[in-house]
Amino acid sequence: MDGQLWVEPVGNLIIARVRGQPTAELLRDCQHRVIQIAHDGSDASVHNVLYDALEMESPPVDVPLAQRELDEALGSLRLRRAIVVPNTRLAYLARLAFGEGDYRVFYNDIIAAVAWLSRPTE
């Protein structure tokens, strides 16, 4: 199944849902929409993003590496991200994708992810 994407602001969160098989192009589109919402939204110094990957299929390794390249172009925009995954393979790929960024991976637990994003940053 080709990848599908939904990105929308919900309260103080930006929620990005990815279903199916993601591509580098889909990740570029996702990053563009997240950045657009962050710029159009609040004046917060850190923007909280929830990535719901519960219905995502495992992509080839080059796809998460494309996300890392996209993050290098963020500049001064700070994103604090929670990535919700269904299994260890996607958790590993999420760690490859987001590298040293401000993120945490959650296994099947959207509630814990939202709670973590709701805590004040240090």
N, C-alpha and C. Protein backbone atom coordinates (compact mmCIF):
# COMPACT_ATOMS: atom_id res chain seq x y z
N MET A 1 0.84 -1.19 0.00
CA MET A 1 0.00 0.00 0.00
C MET A 1 0.88 1.24 0.00
N ASP A 2 0.63 2.14 -0.91
CA ASP A 2 1.36 3.40 -0.94
C ASP A 2 1.11 4.17 0.34
N GLY A 3 2.08 5.00 0.72
CA GLY A 3 1.97 5.77 1.94
C GLY A 3 0.91 6.85 1.85
N GLN A 4 0.29 7.10 2.98
CA GLN A 4 -0.69 8.18 3.11
C GLN A 4 -0.28 9.03 4.29
N LEU A 5 -0.64 10.30 4.23
CA LEU A 5 -0.18 11.25 5.23
C LEU A 5 -1.30 12.19 5.63
N TRP A 6 -1.41 12.44 6.94
CA TRP A 6 -2.30 13.47 7.48
C TRP A 6 -1.48 14.27 8.48
N VAL A 7 -1.48 15.57 8.33
CA VAL A 7 -0.79 16.45 9.28
C VAL A 7 -1.76 17.56 9.65
N GLU A 8 -1.97 17.74 10.97
CA GLU A 8 -2.93 18.75 11.42
C GLU A 8 -2.57 19.23 12.82
N PRO A 9 -2.88 20.48 13.11
CA PRO A 9 -2.69 20.96 14.49
C PRO A 9 -3.87 20.53 15.35
N VAL A 10 -3.57 20.08 16.57
CA VAL A 10 -4.61 19.72 17.53
C VAL A 10 -4.16 20.29 18.87
N GLY A 11 -4.82 21.36 19.30
CA GLY A 11 -4.40 22.02 20.53
C GLY A 11 -2.98 22.56 20.37
N ASN A 12 -2.11 22.20 21.30
CA ASN A 12 -0.72 22.68 21.21
C ASN A 12 0.19 21.66 20.55
N LEU A 13 -0.39 20.66 19.89
CA LEU A 13 0.38 19.63 19.20
C LEU A 13 0.22 19.74 17.69
N ILE A 14 1.23 19.28 17.00
CA ILE A 14 1.12 19.03 15.57
C ILE A 14 1.11 17.52 15.44
N ILE A 15 0.05 16.97 14.86
CA ILE A 15 -0.06 15.52 14.73
C ILE A 15 0.16 15.12 13.28
N ALA A 16 1.10 14.21 13.08
CA ALA A 16 1.39 13.68 11.75
C ALA A 16 1.13 12.18 11.77
N ARG A 17 0.20 11.73 10.94
CA ARG A 17 -0.11 10.30 10.85
C ARG A 17 0.36 9.77 9.51
N VAL A 18 1.12 8.69 9.58
CA VAL A 18 1.63 8.06 8.36
C VAL A 18 1.10 6.63 8.32
N ARG A 19 0.51 6.28 7.17
CA ARG A 19 0.00 4.93 6.96
C ARG A 19 0.65 4.34 5.74
N GLY A 20 0.75 3.03 5.71
CA GLY A 20 1.28 2.35 4.54
C GLY A 20 2.79 2.50 4.40
N GLN A 21 3.26 2.37 3.18
CA GLN A 21 4.69 2.40 2.86
C GLN A 21 5.13 3.83 2.57
N PRO A 22 5.90 4.46 3.47
CA PRO A 22 6.35 5.83 3.22
C PRO A 22 7.50 5.86 2.21
N THR A 23 7.61 6.99 1.55
CA THR A 23 8.71 7.24 0.62
C THR A 23 9.44 8.50 1.09
N ALA A 24 10.60 8.75 0.51
CA ALA A 24 11.33 9.98 0.83
C ALA A 24 10.49 11.20 0.47
N GLU A 25 9.76 11.12 -0.62
CA GLU A 25 8.89 12.24 -1.04
C GLU A 25 7.79 12.48 -0.02
N LEU A 26 7.20 11.41 0.50
CA LEU A 26 6.16 11.55 1.52
C LEU A 26 6.74 12.21 2.78
N LEU A 27 7.95 11.83 3.17
CA LEU A 27 8.59 12.44 4.34
C LEU A 27 8.88 13.93 4.10
N ARG A 28 9.28 14.28 2.89
CA ARG A 28 9.50 15.70 2.56
C ARG A 28 8.20 16.48 2.69
N ASP A 29 7.12 15.90 2.18
CA ASP A 29 5.81 16.54 2.29
C ASP A 29 5.41 16.69 3.75
N CYS A 30 5.63 15.65 4.54
CA CYS A 30 5.30 15.69 5.97
C CYS A 30 6.10 16.79 6.66
N GLN A 31 7.40 16.83 6.42
CA GLN A 31 8.25 17.84 7.05
C GLN A 31 7.81 19.26 6.65
N HIS A 32 7.48 19.44 5.38
CA HIS A 32 7.03 20.75 4.89
C HIS A 32 5.76 21.18 5.63
N ARG A 33 4.80 20.25 5.78
CA ARG A 33 3.55 20.60 6.45
C ARG A 33 3.75 20.88 7.93
N VAL A 34 4.61 20.08 8.58
CA VAL A 34 4.90 20.31 10.00
C VAL A 34 5.51 21.69 10.19
N ILE A 35 6.48 22.03 9.35
CA ILE A 35 7.14 23.33 9.45
C ILE A 35 6.15 24.46 9.19
N GLN A 36 5.29 24.29 8.19
CA GLN A 36 4.29 25.31 7.86
C GLN A 36 3.35 25.54 9.04
N ILE A 37 2.88 24.47 9.66
CA ILE A 37 1.99 24.61 10.82
C ILE A 37 2.73 25.26 11.98
N ALA A 38 3.98 24.88 12.20
CA ALA A 38 4.78 25.46 13.28
C ALA A 38 4.94 26.96 13.08
N HIS A 39 5.20 27.39 11.85
CA HIS A 39 5.37 28.82 11.57
C HIS A 39 4.05 29.58 11.64
N ASP A 40 2.96 28.93 11.22
CA ASP A 40 1.65 29.59 11.23
C ASP A 40 1.01 29.61 12.60
N GLY A 41 1.46 28.71 13.48
CA GLY A 41 0.82 28.55 14.78
C GLY A 41 1.39 29.46 15.84
N SER A 42 1.61 28.88 16.99
CA SER A 42 2.02 29.65 18.16
C SER A 42 3.44 30.19 18.02
N ASP A 43 3.78 31.11 18.92
CA ASP A 43 5.12 31.66 18.96
C ASP A 43 6.02 30.89 19.92
N ALA A 44 5.66 29.64 20.22
CA ALA A 44 6.44 28.83 21.15
C ALA A 44 7.86 28.65 20.63
N SER A 45 8.80 28.55 21.55
CA SER A 45 10.19 28.34 21.13
C SER A 45 10.43 26.89 20.72
N VAL A 46 9.59 25.97 21.23
CA VAL A 46 9.67 24.56 20.86
C VAL A 46 8.28 24.11 20.43
N HIS A 47 8.21 23.43 19.32
CA HIS A 47 6.94 22.94 18.80
C HIS A 47 6.86 21.43 19.02
N ASN A 48 5.78 20.97 19.62
CA ASN A 48 5.58 19.56 19.93
C ASN A 48 4.89 18.85 18.78
N VAL A 49 5.52 17.75 18.33
CA VAL A 49 5.00 17.00 17.19
C VAL A 49 4.82 15.54 17.59
N LEU A 50 3.63 15.01 17.33
CA LEU A 50 3.34 13.60 17.55
C LEU A 50 3.28 12.91 16.20
N TYR A 51 4.19 11.95 15.99
CA TYR A 51 4.18 11.14 14.78
C TYR A 51 3.50 9.82 15.11
N ASP A 52 2.35 9.58 14.51
CA ASP A 52 1.61 8.34 14.69
C ASP A 52 1.98 7.42 13.53
N ALA A 53 2.82 6.43 13.83
CA ALA A 53 3.28 5.48 12.81
C ALA A 53 2.71 4.08 13.06
N LEU A 54 1.60 4.01 13.79
CA LEU A 54 1.04 2.72 14.15
C LEU A 54 0.57 1.91 12.94
N GLU A 55 0.21 2.59 11.86
CA GLU A 55 -0.24 1.88 10.66
C GLU A 55 0.76 2.00 9.51
N MET A 56 1.99 2.35 9.86
CA MET A 56 3.04 2.50 8.85
C MET A 56 3.73 1.16 8.63
N GLU A 57 4.07 0.89 7.38
CA GLU A 57 4.85 -0.30 7.04
C GLU A 57 6.33 0.07 7.05
N SER A 58 7.19 -0.89 7.29
CA SER A 58 8.63 -0.64 7.34
C SER A 58 9.15 -0.25 5.96
N PRO A 59 9.78 0.93 5.87
CA PRO A 59 10.35 1.37 4.58
C PRO A 59 11.78 0.85 4.44
N PRO A 60 12.35 0.95 3.24
CA PRO A 60 13.78 0.67 3.09
C PRO A 60 14.60 1.68 3.92
N VAL A 61 15.81 1.33 4.28
CA VAL A 61 16.63 2.15 5.17
C VAL A 61 16.90 3.54 4.60
N ASP A 62 16.92 3.69 3.28
CA ASP A 62 17.20 5.02 2.71
C ASP A 62 16.10 6.03 3.03
N VAL A 63 14.90 5.57 3.32
CA VAL A 63 13.80 6.49 3.63
C VAL A 63 14.02 7.18 4.99
N PRO A 64 14.31 6.44 6.07
CA PRO A 64 14.60 7.15 7.32
C PRO A 64 15.84 8.04 7.24
N LEU A 65 16.80 7.63 6.46
CA LEU A 65 18.00 8.47 6.30
C LEU A 65 17.66 9.78 5.59
N ALA A 66 16.65 9.77 4.73
CA ALA A 66 16.18 11.01 4.09
C ALA A 66 15.60 11.96 5.14
N GLN A 67 14.94 11.42 6.18
CA GLN A 67 14.42 12.26 7.26
C GLN A 67 15.55 12.96 7.99
N ARG A 68 16.63 12.27 8.20
CA ARG A 68 17.78 12.87 8.88
C ARG A 68 18.31 14.06 8.09
N GLU A 69 18.36 13.92 6.77
CA GLU A 69 18.79 15.04 5.92
C GLU A 69 17.82 16.21 6.02
N LEU A 70 16.53 15.92 6.07
CA LEU A 70 15.54 16.99 6.20
C LEU A 70 15.72 17.74 7.51
N ASP A 71 16.03 17.02 8.58
CA ASP A 71 16.22 17.65 9.88
C ASP A 71 17.42 18.58 9.91
N GLU A 72 18.44 18.28 9.12
CA GLU A 72 19.62 19.13 9.07
C GLU A 72 19.28 20.51 8.50
N ALA A 73 18.19 20.61 7.77
CA ALA A 73 17.78 21.88 7.16
C ALA A 73 16.78 22.66 8.02
N LEU A 74 16.52 22.21 9.25
CA LEU A 74 15.54 22.89 10.10
C LEU A 74 16.00 24.27 10.55
N GLY A 75 17.29 24.48 10.63
CA GLY A 75 17.79 25.77 11.10
C GLY A 75 17.49 25.97 12.57
N SER A 76 16.90 27.12 12.91
CA SER A 76 16.64 27.46 14.31
C SER A 76 15.31 26.90 14.83
N LEU A 77 14.51 26.31 13.98
CA LEU A 77 13.22 25.74 14.39
C LEU A 77 13.46 24.51 15.28
N ARG A 78 12.90 24.53 16.48
CA ARG A 78 13.06 23.42 17.41
C ARG A 78 11.78 22.60 17.46
N LEU A 79 11.91 21.32 17.15
CA LEU A 79 10.79 20.40 17.21
C LEU A 79 11.06 19.36 18.28
N ARG A 80 10.12 19.18 19.18
CA ARG A 80 10.19 18.12 20.18
C ARG A 80 9.20 17.07 19.71
N ARG A 81 9.69 15.84 19.46
CA ARG A 81 8.87 14.86 18.77
C ARG A 81 8.71 13.57 19.56
N ALA A 82 7.48 13.06 19.53
CA ALA A 82 7.17 11.74 20.05
C ALA A 82 6.74 10.89 18.87
N ILE A 83 7.37 9.74 18.72
CA ILE A 83 7.08 8.85 17.61
C ILE A 83 6.45 7.58 18.19
N VAL A 84 5.22 7.27 17.78
CA VAL A 84 4.51 6.10 18.28
C VAL A 84 4.57 5.02 17.20
N VAL A 85 5.16 3.88 17.57
CA VAL A 85 5.39 2.78 16.63
C VAL A 85 4.77 1.49 17.14
N PRO A 86 4.50 0.54 16.24
CA PRO A 86 3.91 -0.73 16.66
C PRO A 86 4.91 -1.84 16.97
N ASN A 87 6.18 -1.67 16.56
CA ASN A 87 7.13 -2.77 16.72
C ASN A 87 8.58 -2.27 16.79
N THR A 88 9.48 -3.18 17.10
CA THR A 88 10.88 -2.81 17.28
C THR A 88 11.55 -2.42 15.97
N ARG A 89 11.14 -2.97 14.86
CA ARG A 89 11.74 -2.60 13.57
C ARG A 89 11.50 -1.12 13.28
N LEU A 90 10.25 -0.68 13.43
CA LEU A 90 9.95 0.74 13.19
C LEU A 90 10.59 1.63 14.25
N ALA A 91 10.73 1.13 15.47
CA ALA A 91 11.43 1.91 16.51
C ALA A 91 12.88 2.13 16.10
N TYR A 92 13.53 1.10 15.62
CA TYR A 92 14.92 1.22 15.16
C TYR A 92 15.02 2.22 14.00
N LEU A 93 14.11 2.12 13.04
CA LEU A 93 14.15 3.04 11.90
C LEU A 93 13.86 4.47 12.34
N ALA A 94 13.00 4.65 13.35
CA ALA A 94 12.73 6.00 13.87
C ALA A 94 13.99 6.58 14.49
N ARG A 95 14.73 5.75 15.21
CA ARG A 95 15.98 6.23 15.80
C ARG A 95 17.00 6.59 14.73
N LEU A 96 17.02 5.84 13.64
CA LEU A 96 17.89 6.21 12.51
C LEU A 96 17.44 7.54 11.90
N ALA A 97 16.14 7.71 11.78
CA ALA A 97 15.60 8.90 11.12
C ALA A 97 15.85 10.18 11.91
N PHE A 98 15.70 10.11 13.23
CA PHE A 98 15.75 11.33 14.02
C PHE A 98 17.06 11.52 14.77
N GLY A 99 17.94 10.55 14.72
CA GLY A 99 19.31 10.69 15.23
C GLY A 99 19.42 11.27 16.62
N GLU A 100 20.08 12.40 16.72
CA GLU A 100 20.36 13.05 18.00
C GLU A 100 19.31 14.10 18.37
N GLY A 101 18.23 14.15 17.67
CA GLY A 101 17.21 15.18 17.91
C GLY A 101 16.49 15.01 19.24
N ASP A 102 15.62 15.96 19.55
CA ASP A 102 14.81 15.95 20.76
C ASP A 102 13.56 15.13 20.48
N TYR A 103 13.67 13.82 20.73
CA TYR A 103 12.55 12.94 20.44
C TYR A 103 12.55 11.77 21.41
N ARG A 104 11.43 11.06 21.43
CA ARG A 104 11.32 9.82 22.18
C ARG A 104 10.40 8.89 21.41
N VAL A 105 10.73 7.60 21.42
CA VAL A 105 9.94 6.58 20.74
C VAL A 105 9.05 5.87 21.76
N PHE A 106 7.78 5.68 21.39
CA PHE A 106 6.81 5.01 22.25
C PHE A 106 6.24 3.81 21.50
N TYR A 107 6.08 2.70 22.20
CA TYR A 107 5.51 1.49 21.62
C TYR A 107 4.00 1.44 21.88
N ASN A 108 3.20 1.65 20.85
CA ASN A 108 1.74 1.52 20.91
C ASN A 108 1.08 2.36 21.99
N ASP A 109 1.66 3.46 22.41
CA ASP A 109 1.12 4.21 23.54
C ASP A 109 1.02 5.71 23.22
N ILE A 110 -0.04 6.07 22.55
CA ILE A 110 -0.25 7.47 22.18
C ILE A 110 -0.48 8.33 23.43
N ILE A 111 -1.15 7.78 24.42
CA ILE A 111 -1.41 8.55 25.65
C ILE A 111 -0.12 8.95 26.33
N ALA A 112 0.82 8.01 26.45
CA ALA A 112 2.12 8.33 27.07
C ALA A 112 2.89 9.33 26.22
N ALA A 113 2.78 9.22 24.90
CA ALA A 113 3.47 10.15 24.01
C ALA A 113 2.94 11.57 24.20
N VAL A 114 1.63 11.72 24.27
CA VAL A 114 1.03 13.04 24.47
C VAL A 114 1.40 13.59 25.84
N ALA A 115 1.41 12.73 26.85
CA ALA A 115 1.80 13.17 28.20
C ALA A 115 3.24 13.67 28.21
N TRP A 116 4.14 12.96 27.53
CA TRP A 116 5.54 13.38 27.46
C TRP A 116 5.67 14.74 26.75
N LEU A 117 4.94 14.88 25.65
CA LEU A 117 4.99 16.16 24.91
C LEU A 117 4.40 17.30 25.72
N SER A 118 3.48 16.99 26.61
CA SER A 118 2.82 18.03 27.41
C SER A 118 3.68 18.53 28.58
N ARG A 119 4.70 17.77 28.92
CA ARG A 119 5.59 18.20 30.00
C ARG A 119 6.44 19.38 29.53
N PRO A 120 6.78 20.28 30.45
CA PRO A 120 7.65 21.41 30.07
C PRO A 120 9.03 20.91 29.62
N THR A 121 9.61 21.60 28.67
CA THR A 121 10.94 21.24 28.21
C THR A 121 11.97 21.75 29.20
N GLU A 122 13.11 21.10 29.18
CA GLU A 122 14.17 21.50 30.12
C GLU A 122 15.11 22.49 29.53
